């Protein structure tokens, strides 16, 4: 579970200030943090299929946000991918 402090830290880092939670960068960063926190749970609990469905929905949401960002602004997309360490 992501804490309020961690969420505020990510919002400030990727959104510019504490109130800018709607940008694609902030949403992707928060989803990435939630996914990283849930991954060890599913390594231990392989039969938690309902929880796995929620994880897959988060991954799909992050993928669609990244797809939108890459289509609109490729420079911001590249910077975000590099900062979060998502690919390669």
PDB file of N, CA and C in Angstrom:
ATOM      1  N   UNK A   1       0.852  -1.181   0.000  1.00  0.00           N
ATOM      2  CA  UNK A   1       0.000   0.000   0.000  1.00  0.00           C
ATOM      3  C   UNK A   1       0.891   1.235   0.000  1.00  0.00           C
ATOM      4  N   UNK A   2       0.527   2.196  -0.793  1.00  0.00           N
ATOM      5  CA  UNK A   2       1.299   3.428  -0.897  1.00  0.00           C
ATOM      6  C   UNK A   2       0.825   4.401   0.189  1.00  0.00           C
ATOM      7  N   UNK A   3       1.778   5.027   0.867  1.00  0.00           N
ATOM      8  CA  UNK A   3       1.430   5.949   1.942  1.00  0.00           C
ATOM      9  C   UNK A   3       1.101   7.328   1.376  1.00  0.00           C
ATOM     10  N   UNK A   4       0.466   8.127   2.198  1.00  0.00           N
ATOM     11  CA  UNK A   4       0.103   9.488   1.797  1.00  0.00           C
ATOM     12  C   UNK A   4       1.364  10.308   1.559  1.00  0.00           C
ATOM     13  N   UNK A   5       2.380  10.095   2.397  1.00  0.00           N
ATOM     14  CA  UNK A   5       3.625  10.839   2.250  1.00  0.00           C
ATOM     15  C   UNK A   5       4.331  10.490   0.944  1.00  0.00           C
ATOM     16  N   UNK A   6       4.356   9.206   0.610  1.00  0.00           N
ATOM     17  CA  UNK A   6       4.995   8.771  -0.632  1.00  0.00           C
ATOM     18  C   UNK A   6       4.237   9.316  -1.844  1.00  0.00           C
ATOM     19  N   UNK A   7       2.918   9.321  -1.766  1.00  0.00           N
ATOM     20  CA  UNK A   7       2.105   9.867  -2.846  1.00  0.00           C
ATOM     21  C   UNK A   7       2.362  11.364  -3.014  1.00  0.00           C
ATOM     22  N   UNK A   8       2.459  12.086  -1.902  1.00  0.00           N
ATOM     23  CA  UNK A   8       2.742  13.524  -1.969  1.00  0.00           C
ATOM     24  C   UNK A   8       4.135  13.778  -2.517  1.00  0.00           C
ATOM     25  N   UNK A   9       5.084  12.920  -2.158  1.00  0.00           N
ATOM     26  CA  UNK A   9       6.448  13.065  -2.669  1.00  0.00           C
ATOM     27  C   UNK A   9       6.494  12.858  -4.181  1.00  0.00           C
ATOM     28  N   UNK A  10       5.801  11.835  -4.660  1.00  0.00           N
ATOM     29  CA  UNK A  10       5.753  11.580  -6.101  1.00  0.00           C
ATOM     30  C   UNK A  10       5.035  12.706  -6.834  1.00  0.00           C
ATOM     31  N   UNK A  11       3.981  13.231  -6.227  1.00  0.00           N
ATOM     32  CA  UNK A  11       3.238  14.333  -6.832  1.00  0.00           C
ATOM     33  C   UNK A  11       4.117  15.562  -6.967  1.00  0.00           C
ATOM     34  N   UNK A  12       4.881  15.850  -5.933  1.00  0.00           N
ATOM     35  CA  UNK A  12       5.756  17.019  -5.973  1.00  0.00           C
ATOM     36  C   UNK A  12       6.887  16.823  -6.983  1.00  0.00           C
ATOM     37  N   UNK A  13       7.435  15.613  -7.041  1.00  0.00           N
ATOM     38  CA  UNK A  13       8.556  15.345  -7.947  1.00  0.00           C
ATOM     39  C   UNK A  13       8.133  15.389  -9.414  1.00  0.00           C
ATOM     40  N   UNK A  14       7.012  14.744  -9.741  1.00  0.00           N
ATOM     41  CA  UNK A  14       6.615  14.628 -11.135  1.00  0.00           C
ATOM     42  C   UNK A  14       5.591  15.674 -11.574  1.00  0.00           C
ATOM     43  N   UNK A  15       4.894  16.298 -10.628  1.00  0.00           N
ATOM     44  CA  UNK A  15       3.868  17.266 -10.991  1.00  0.00           C
ATOM     45  C   UNK A  15       4.294  18.706 -10.852  1.00  0.00           C
ATOM     46  N   UNK A  16       5.403  18.950 -10.154  1.00  0.00           N
ATOM     47  CA  UNK A  16       5.872  20.310  -9.984  1.00  0.00           C
ATOM     48  C   UNK A  16       5.478  20.905  -8.647  1.00  0.00           C
ATOM     49  N   UNK A  17       4.261  20.643  -8.186  1.00  0.00           N
ATOM     50  CA  UNK A  17       3.841  21.101  -6.865  1.00  0.00           C
ATOM     51  C   UNK A  17       2.944  20.042  -6.227  1.00  0.00           C
ATOM     52  N   UNK A  18       2.475  20.317  -5.006  1.00  0.00           N
ATOM     53  CA  UNK A  18       1.707  19.322  -4.256  1.00  0.00           C
ATOM     54  C   UNK A  18       0.299  19.094  -4.791  1.00  0.00           C
ATOM     55  N   UNK A  19      -0.250  20.060  -5.493  1.00  0.00           N
ATOM     56  CA  UNK A  19      -1.646  19.988  -5.914  1.00  0.00           C
ATOM     57  C   UNK A  19      -1.836  19.454  -7.329  1.00  0.00           C
ATOM     58  N   UNK A  20      -0.773  19.289  -8.092  1.00  0.00           N
ATOM     59  CA  UNK A  20      -0.858  18.897  -9.493  1.00  0.00           C
ATOM     60  C   UNK A  20      -0.871  17.369  -9.620  1.00  0.00           C
ATOM     61  N   UNK A  21      -1.992  16.748  -9.250  1.00  0.00           N
ATOM     62  CA  UNK A  21      -2.073  15.289  -9.258  1.00  0.00           C
ATOM     63  C   UNK A  21      -2.632  14.723 -10.554  1.00  0.00           C
ATOM     64  N   UNK A  22      -3.107  15.551 -11.437  1.00  0.00           N
ATOM     65  CA  UNK A  22      -3.784  15.063 -12.623  1.00  0.00           C
ATOM     66  C   UNK A  22      -2.905  14.834 -13.827  1.00  0.00           C
ATOM     67  N   UNK A  23      -1.651  15.249 -13.781  1.00  0.00           N
ATOM     68  CA  UNK A  23      -0.805  15.067 -14.952  1.00  0.00           C
ATOM     69  C   UNK A  23      -0.524  13.586 -15.174  1.00  0.00           C
ATOM     70  N   UNK A  24      -0.239  13.251 -16.399  1.00  0.00           N
ATOM     71  CA  UNK A  24       0.020  11.863 -16.758  1.00  0.00           C
ATOM     72  C   UNK A  24       1.246  11.344 -16.018  1.00  0.00           C
ATOM     73  N   UNK A  25       2.258  12.188 -15.861  1.00  0.00           N
ATOM     74  CA  UNK A  25       3.483  11.760 -15.193  1.00  0.00           C
ATOM     75  C   UNK A  25       3.212  11.338 -13.748  1.00  0.00           C
ATOM     76  N   UNK A  26       2.412  12.121 -13.042  1.00  0.00           N
ATOM     77  CA  UNK A  26       2.101  11.808 -11.647  1.00  0.00           C
ATOM     78  C   UNK A  26       1.284  10.529 -11.562  1.00  0.00           C
ATOM     79  N   UNK A  27       0.304  10.384 -12.421  1.00  0.00           N
ATOM     80  CA  UNK A  27      -0.529   9.186 -12.394  1.00  0.00           C
ATOM     81  C   UNK A  27       0.291   7.935 -12.675  1.00  0.00           C
ATOM     82  N   UNK A  28       1.196   8.013 -13.651  1.00  0.00           N
ATOM     83  CA  UNK A  28       2.042   6.862 -13.982  1.00  0.00           C
ATOM     84  C   UNK A  28       2.991   6.556 -12.834  1.00  0.00           C
ATOM     85  N   UNK A  29       3.555   7.585 -12.210  1.00  0.00           N
ATOM     86  CA  UNK A  29       4.484   7.369 -11.099  1.00  0.00           C
ATOM     87  C   UNK A  29       3.792   6.701  -9.917  1.00  0.00           C
ATOM     88  N   UNK A  30       2.579   7.143  -9.598  1.00  0.00           N
ATOM     89  CA  UNK A  30       1.845   6.544  -8.480  1.00  0.00           C
ATOM     90  C   UNK A  30       1.441   5.107  -8.807  1.00  0.00           C
ATOM     91  N   UNK A  31       0.986   4.865 -10.025  1.00  0.00           N
ATOM     92  CA  UNK A  31       0.643   3.498 -10.421  1.00  0.00           C
ATOM     93  C   UNK A  31       1.870   2.590 -10.390  1.00  0.00           C
ATOM     94  N   UNK A  32       3.014   3.090 -10.822  1.00  0.00           N
ATOM     95  CA  UNK A  32       4.240   2.304 -10.806  1.00  0.00           C
ATOM     96  C   UNK A  32       4.622   1.943  -9.382  1.00  0.00           C
ATOM     97  N   UNK A  33       4.501   2.881  -8.468  1.00  0.00           N
ATOM     98  CA  UNK A  33       4.815   2.607  -7.066  1.00  0.00           C
ATOM     99  C   UNK A  33       3.869   1.557  -6.489  1.00  0.00           C
ATOM    100  N   UNK A  34       2.587   1.662  -6.807  1.00  0.00           N
ATOM    101  CA  UNK A  34       1.619   0.673  -6.322  1.00  0.00           C
ATOM    102  C   UNK A  34       1.920  -0.712  -6.894  1.00  0.00           C
ATOM    103  N   UNK A  35       2.290  -0.774  -8.163  1.00  0.00           N
ATOM    104  CA  UNK A  35       2.606  -2.050  -8.805  1.00  0.00           C
ATOM    105  C   UNK A  35       3.846  -2.665  -8.171  1.00  0.00           C
ATOM    106  N   UNK A  36       4.854  -1.842  -7.898  1.00  0.00           N
ATOM    107  CA  UNK A  36       6.078  -2.348  -7.262  1.00  0.00           C
ATOM    108  C   UNK A  36       5.796  -2.881  -5.861  1.00  0.00           C
ATOM    109  N   UNK A  37       4.873  -2.246  -5.151  1.00  0.00           N
ATOM    110  CA  UNK A  37       4.543  -2.716  -3.807  1.00  0.00           C
ATOM    111  C   UNK A  37       3.732  -4.004  -3.821  1.00  0.00           C
ATOM    112  N   UNK A  38       2.936  -4.225  -4.855  1.00  0.00           N
ATOM    113  CA  UNK A  38       2.094  -5.419  -4.917  1.00  0.00           C
ATOM    114  C   UNK A  38       2.811  -6.650  -5.479  1.00  0.00           C
ATOM    115  N   UNK A  39       3.850  -6.459  -6.248  1.00  0.00           N
ATOM    116  CA  UNK A  39       4.512  -7.572  -6.924  1.00  0.00           C
ATOM    117  C   UNK A  39       5.014  -8.648  -5.964  1.00  0.00           C
ATOM    118  N   UNK A  40       5.668  -8.307  -4.832  1.00  0.00           N
ATOM    119  CA  UNK A  40       6.103  -9.385  -3.920  1.00  0.00           C
ATOM    120  C   UNK A  40       4.951 -10.198  -3.334  1.00  0.00           C
ATOM    121  N   UNK A  41       3.808  -9.579  -3.151  1.00  0.00           N
ATOM    122  CA  UNK A  41       2.647 -10.305  -2.627  1.00  0.00           C
ATOM    123  C   UNK A  41       2.248 -11.433  -3.575  1.00  0.00           C
ATOM    124  N   UNK A  42       2.285 -11.155  -4.874  1.00  0.00           N
ATOM    125  CA  UNK A  42       1.849 -12.164  -5.834  1.00  0.00           C
ATOM    126  C   UNK A  42       2.916 -13.212  -6.095  1.00  0.00           C
ATOM    127  N   UNK A  43       4.168 -12.926  -5.735  1.00  0.00           N
ATOM    128  CA  UNK A  43       5.182 -13.964  -5.807  1.00  0.00           C
ATOM    129  C   UNK A  43       4.957 -15.001  -4.716  1.00  0.00           C
ATOM    130  N   UNK A  44       4.459 -14.565  -3.551  1.00  0.00           N
ATOM    131  CA  UNK A  44       4.178 -15.482  -2.448  1.00  0.00           C
ATOM    132  C   UNK A  44       2.826 -16.165  -2.617  1.00  0.00           C
ATOM    133  N   UNK A  45       1.824 -15.421  -3.049  1.00  0.00           N
ATOM    134  CA  UNK A  45       0.443 -15.912  -3.122  1.00  0.00           C
ATOM    135  C   UNK A  45       0.026 -16.100  -4.577  1.00  0.00           C
ATOM    136  N   UNK A  46       0.420 -17.197  -5.133  1.00  0.00           N
ATOM    137  CA  UNK A  46       0.183 -17.442  -6.550  1.00  0.00           C
ATOM    138  C   UNK A  46      -1.294 -17.687  -6.879  1.00  0.00           C
ATOM    139  N   UNK A  47      -2.100 -18.053  -5.888  1.00  0.00           N
ATOM    140  CA  UNK A  47      -3.502 -18.363  -6.159  1.00  0.00           C
ATOM    141  C   UNK A  47      -4.437 -17.201  -5.850  1.00  0.00           C
ATOM    142  N   UNK A  48      -3.910 -16.033  -5.624  1.00  0.00           N
ATOM    143  CA  UNK A  48      -4.734 -14.845  -5.371  1.00  0.00           C
ATOM    144  C   UNK A  48      -5.155 -14.257  -6.717  1.00  0.00           C
ATOM    145  N   UNK A  49      -6.130 -14.893  -7.346  1.00  0.00           N
ATOM    146  CA  UNK A  49      -6.523 -14.504  -8.699  1.00  0.00           C
ATOM    147  C   UNK A  49      -7.306 -13.196  -8.733  1.00  0.00           C
ATOM    148  N   UNK A  50      -8.113 -12.941  -7.726  1.00  0.00           N
ATOM    149  CA  UNK A  50      -8.872 -11.688  -7.726  1.00  0.00           C
ATOM    150  C   UNK A  50      -7.948 -10.493  -7.513  1.00  0.00           C
ATOM    151  N   UNK A  51      -6.935 -10.655  -6.685  1.00  0.00           N
ATOM    152  CA  UNK A  51      -5.951  -9.584  -6.508  1.00  0.00           C
ATOM    153  C   UNK A  51      -5.113  -9.389  -7.769  1.00  0.00           C
ATOM    154  N   UNK A  52      -4.825 -10.488  -8.430  1.00  0.00           N
ATOM    155  CA  UNK A  52      -4.052 -10.414  -9.675  1.00  0.00           C
ATOM    156  C   UNK A  52      -4.822  -9.653 -10.744  1.00  0.00           C
ATOM    157  N   UNK A  53      -6.137  -9.784 -10.736  1.00  0.00           N
ATOM    158  CA  UNK A  53      -6.958  -9.046 -11.697  1.00  0.00           C
ATOM    159  C   UNK A  53      -6.810  -7.548 -11.469  1.00  0.00           C
ATOM    160  N   UNK A  54      -6.808  -7.128 -10.214  1.00  0.00           N
ATOM    161  CA  UNK A  54      -6.613  -5.713  -9.903  1.00  0.00           C
ATOM    162  C   UNK A  54      -5.254  -5.222 -10.343  1.00  0.00           C
ATOM    163  N   UNK A  55      -4.232  -6.059 -10.142  1.00  0.00           N
ATOM    164  CA  UNK A  55      -2.885  -5.695 -10.585  1.00  0.00           C
ATOM    165  C   UNK A  55      -2.837  -5.543 -12.107  1.00  0.00           C
ATOM    166  N   UNK A  56      -3.474  -6.450 -12.812  1.00  0.00           N
ATOM    167  CA  UNK A  56      -3.491  -6.378 -14.273  1.00  0.00           C
ATOM    168  C   UNK A  56      -4.237  -5.133 -14.759  1.00  0.00           C
ATOM    169  N   UNK A  57      -5.294  -4.728 -14.043  1.00  0.00           N
ATOM    170  CA  UNK A  57      -6.014  -3.512 -14.404  1.00  0.00           C
ATOM    171  C   UNK A  57      -5.128  -2.289 -14.208  1.00  0.00           C
ATOM    172  N   UNK A  58      -4.317  -2.277 -13.133  1.00  0.00           N
ATOM    173  CA  UNK A  58      -3.388  -1.167 -12.901  1.00  0.00           C
ATOM    174  C   UNK A  58      -2.331  -1.111 -13.995  1.00  0.00           C
ATOM    175  N   UNK A  59      -1.822  -2.271 -14.380  1.00  0.00           N
ATOM    176  CA  UNK A  59      -0.811  -2.317 -15.438  1.00  0.00           C
ATOM    177  C   UNK A  59      -1.401  -1.826 -16.750  1.00  0.00           C
ATOM    178  N   UNK A  60      -2.635  -2.211 -17.052  1.00  0.00           N
ATOM    179  CA  UNK A  60      -3.295  -1.752 -18.273  1.00  0.00           C
ATOM    180  C   UNK A  60      -3.541  -0.247 -18.255  1.00  0.00           C
ATOM    181  N   UNK A  61      -3.923   0.283 -17.110  1.00  0.00           N
ATOM    182  CA  UNK A  61      -4.144   1.726 -16.982  1.00  0.00           C
ATOM    183  C   UNK A  61      -2.839   2.477 -17.199  1.00  0.00           C
ATOM    184  N   UNK A  62      -1.746   1.974 -16.592  1.00  0.00           N
ATOM    185  CA  UNK A  62      -0.434   2.608 -16.777  1.00  0.00           C
ATOM    186  C   UNK A  62      -0.015   2.538 -18.244  1.00  0.00           C
ATOM    187  N   UNK A  63      -0.266   1.403 -18.881  1.00  0.00           N
ATOM    188  CA  UNK A  63       0.102   1.248 -20.290  1.00  0.00           C
ATOM    189  C   UNK A  63      -0.652   2.238 -21.169  1.00  0.00           C
ATOM    190  N   UNK A  64      -1.948   2.416 -20.909  1.00  0.00           N
ATOM    191  CA  UNK A  64      -2.726   3.346 -21.732  1.00  0.00           C
ATOM    192  C   UNK A  64      -2.303   4.793 -21.486  1.00  0.00           C
ATOM    193  N   UNK A  65      -1.951   5.143 -20.245  1.00  0.00           N
ATOM    194  CA  UNK A  65      -1.462   6.490 -19.971  1.00  0.00           C
ATOM    195  C   UNK A  65      -0.123   6.736 -20.670  1.00  0.00           C
ATOM    196  N   UNK A  66       0.758   5.739 -20.646  1.00  0.00           N
ATOM    197  CA  UNK A  66       2.044   5.882 -21.327  1.00  0.00           C
ATOM    198  C   UNK A  66       1.866   5.969 -22.840  1.00  0.00           C
ATOM    199  N   UNK A  67       0.922   5.225 -23.371  1.00  0.00           N
ATOM    200  CA  UNK A  67       0.650   5.278 -24.808  1.00  0.00           C
ATOM    201  C   UNK A  67       0.155   6.662 -25.207  1.00  0.00           C
ATOM    202  N   UNK A  68      -0.723   7.232 -24.402  1.00  0.00           N
ATOM    203  CA  UNK A  68      -1.217   8.587 -24.650  1.00  0.00           C
ATOM    204  C   UNK A  68      -0.081   9.601 -24.586  1.00  0.00           C
ATOM    205  N   UNK A  69       0.793   9.471 -23.587  1.00  0.00           N
ATOM    206  CA  UNK A  69       1.901  10.403 -23.441  1.00  0.00           C
ATOM    207  C   UNK A  69       2.881  10.297 -24.603  1.00  0.00           C
ATOM    208  N   UNK A  70       3.150   9.074 -25.065  1.00  0.00           N
ATOM    209  CA  UNK A  70       4.088   8.918 -26.183  1.00  0.00           C
ATOM    210  C   UNK A  70       3.504   9.478 -27.478  1.00  0.00           C
ATOM    211  N   UNK A  71       2.194   9.443 -27.611  1.00  0.00           N
ATOM    212  CA  UNK A  71       1.560   9.974 -28.817  1.00  0.00           C
ATOM    213  C   UNK A  71       1.521  11.499 -28.805  1.00  0.00           C
ATOM    214  N   UNK A  72       1.424  12.097 -27.614  1.00  0.00           N
ATOM    215  CA  UNK A  72       1.295  13.553 -27.540  1.00  0.00           C
ATOM    216  C   UNK A  72       2.637  14.255 -27.395  1.00  0.00           C
ATOM    217  N   UNK A  73       3.530  13.736 -26.541  1.00  0.00           N
ATOM    218  CA  UNK A  73       4.801  14.424 -26.292  1.00  0.00           C
ATOM    219  C   UNK A  73       5.881  13.374 -26.044  1.00  0.00           C
ATOM    220  N   UNK A  74       6.660  13.092 -27.071  1.00  0.00           N
ATOM    221  CA  UNK A  74       7.649  12.028 -26.996  1.00  0.00           C
ATOM    222  C   UNK A  74       8.790  12.364 -26.039  1.00  0.00           C
ATOM    223  N   UNK A  75       9.132  13.633 -25.896  1.00  0.00           N
ATOM    224  CA  UNK A  75      10.217  14.024 -24.993  1.00  0.00           C
ATOM    225  C   UNK A  75       9.841  13.761 -23.541  1.00  0.00           C
ATOM    226  N   UNK A  76       8.622  14.138 -23.157  1.00  0.00           N
ATOM    227  CA  UNK A  76       8.156  13.879 -21.788  1.00  0.00           C
ATOM    228  C   UNK A  76       8.065  12.383 -21.526  1.00  0.00           C
ATOM    229  N   UNK A  77       7.647  11.628 -22.544  1.00  0.00           N
ATOM    230  CA  UNK A  77       7.559  10.175 -22.423  1.00  0.00           C
ATOM    231  C   UNK A  77       8.929   9.567 -22.144  1.00  0.00           C
ATOM    232  N   UNK A  78       9.922   9.961 -22.923  1.00  0.00           N
ATOM    233  CA  UNK A  78      11.275   9.434 -22.739  1.00  0.00           C
ATOM    234  C   UNK A  78      11.853   9.780 -21.378  1.00  0.00           C
ATOM    235  N   UNK A  79      11.616  11.014 -20.939  1.00  0.00           N
ATOM    236  CA  UNK A  79      12.115  11.446 -19.631  1.00  0.00           C
ATOM    237  C   UNK A  79      11.460  10.642 -18.510  1.00  0.00           C
ATOM    238  N   UNK A  80      10.151  10.416 -18.607  1.00  0.00           N
ATOM    239  CA  UNK A  80       9.428   9.680 -17.576  1.00  0.00           C
ATOM    240  C   UNK A  80       9.877   8.222 -17.515  1.00  0.00           C
ATOM    241  N   UNK A  81      10.024   7.596 -18.652  1.00  0.00           N
ATOM    242  CA  UNK A  81      10.468   6.201 -18.710  1.00  0.00           C
ATOM    243  C   UNK A  81      11.851   6.068 -18.080  1.00  0.00           C
ATOM    244  N   UNK A  82      12.715   7.026 -18.363  1.00  0.00           N
ATOM    245  CA  UNK A  82      14.072   6.977 -17.823  1.00  0.00           C
ATOM    246  C   UNK A  82      14.073   7.183 -16.310  1.00  0.00           C
ATOM    247  N   UNK A  83      13.286   8.132 -15.810  1.00  0.00           N
ATOM    248  CA  UNK A  83      13.261   8.403 -14.383  1.00  0.00           C
ATOM    249  C   UNK A  83      12.660   7.251 -13.584  1.00  0.00           C
ATOM    250  N   UNK A  84      11.638   6.604 -14.127  1.00  0.00           N
ATOM    251  CA  UNK A  84      11.000   5.502 -13.413  1.00  0.00           C
ATOM    252  C   UNK A  84      11.699   4.176 -13.645  1.00  0.00           C
ATOM    253  N   UNK A  85      12.542   4.109 -14.667  1.00  0.00           N
ATOM    254  CA  UNK A  85      13.253   2.871 -14.957  1.00  0.00           C
ATOM    255  C   UNK A  85      12.328   1.758 -15.426  1.00  0.00           C
ATOM    256  N   UNK A  86      11.384   2.090 -16.292  1.00  0.00           N
ATOM    257  CA  UNK A  86      10.394   1.103 -16.705  1.00  0.00           C
ATOM    258  C   UNK A  86      10.883   0.174 -17.814  1.00  0.00           C
ATOM    259  N   UNK A  87      11.657   0.693 -18.742  1.00  0.00           N
ATOM    260  CA  UNK A  87      12.052  -0.137 -19.876  1.00  0.00           C
ATOM    261  C   UNK A  87      13.552  -0.068 -20.073  1.00  0.00           C
ATOM    262  N   UNK A  88      14.078  -1.189 -20.487  1.00  0.00           N
ATOM    263  CA  UNK A  88      15.481  -1.329 -20.883  1.00  0.00           C
ATOM    264  C   UNK A  88      16.424  -0.651 -19.952  1.00  0.00           C
TER     265      UNK A  88
END
